[in-house]
Amino acid sequence: MSTSAAPLGVIFDMDGVLCDSEPFIAEAARLMFERVYHLAVKKEDFMPFVGTGEDRFIGGVAEKYGVALTMPRDKETTYAIYLEIIRGKLKPLPGAVGFVRACRSRGLKTAIATSADTIKLRGNLAEIGIASGDVDAVVTGDDVKRKKPDPEIFLLAAARLGLDPARCLVVEDAPNGVRAGKAAGATCLGITSSFSAETLRQNGADFIAPDLSHVPPEATRE
C-alpha cells in the first residue's frame, strides 16, 4: 500500500475506468479486418494491446496475422465503425460520473489521460455524459509520442494540472496503464473491469476497486 501524501489531483484513464468501450473497439477492429482484408480475427487477439492506443491495438493484431496495414486509413475505418456501434449503447461504468464530479467538489484537480485518439475520447464522453467542464485537463494519444506503459501521458497530464506526479492518483484498469502511472511517480488505483486484482497488483497498483463507486477511502485520503 502507498504511503505517499494525500493526492491533490486524480488522473483517469478512460477505457475500463469511465466506460467499458473495449468490447466495442474490439468489434469495430474485427469488422475492419473482415471488411478491408477479408480476415477473421478473434476478440481475444486484441487483449495484449489493451490500453496501448489504437495504432498498437490494431497493429499488434495485424502483425500476428501477417497483415500490412494501410495507416491512417485502417484506423480511421475502425473509428468510423466504432462511432456507429456505440451510439445509444455505451454507458458509464458504475460510479464514474459521480466520482469525477465528487473529486472536483472536494477541490481535487482532475484529468483524463487516454491512449485513445481524440475522436474516440469525444465520442465516448458524449455518450456517457461527461462534459469538458467536468475535468481540468485532457491528454489523448494524439498528444504524446510514446504510449503506455511509457509514463509520458501521465507526466503530461500532471504538468497540465500544474502538479507533481507524486501528488496525483492515477486510475487505471490495464497493466500497461498501471505500469505507466507508477513509472510517472504517481500512486495508482487499479480498477478490476478488465484484469484481475492480482494482475494489477503485480504491475504495481497501490489500491484496488471493482469500479469508481467502491473507491477505498484511503486512496484519496477521505
Foldseek 3Di string as FASTA:
>chain_A
DDPFDFAQAEEEEPDLAFWPCLVLLLVLLQVLCCVVVVDHDDSVQQVVCPQFEDCCSNVSSCVVVVHDDDPPVSVVSSLVSSLVVCVVPIETDPQNLVLLQVCVVVNHAYEYFGQYDPSVVVSNCVNHPDDPVSHQYYHYNVNDDGGFVALVRLLVRCVSVVHQLCSYEYEEADLRVLNNSVVSNYAYEYAPSSHDPVSSVVSPHPHYDPHNVGGDCVSNVD
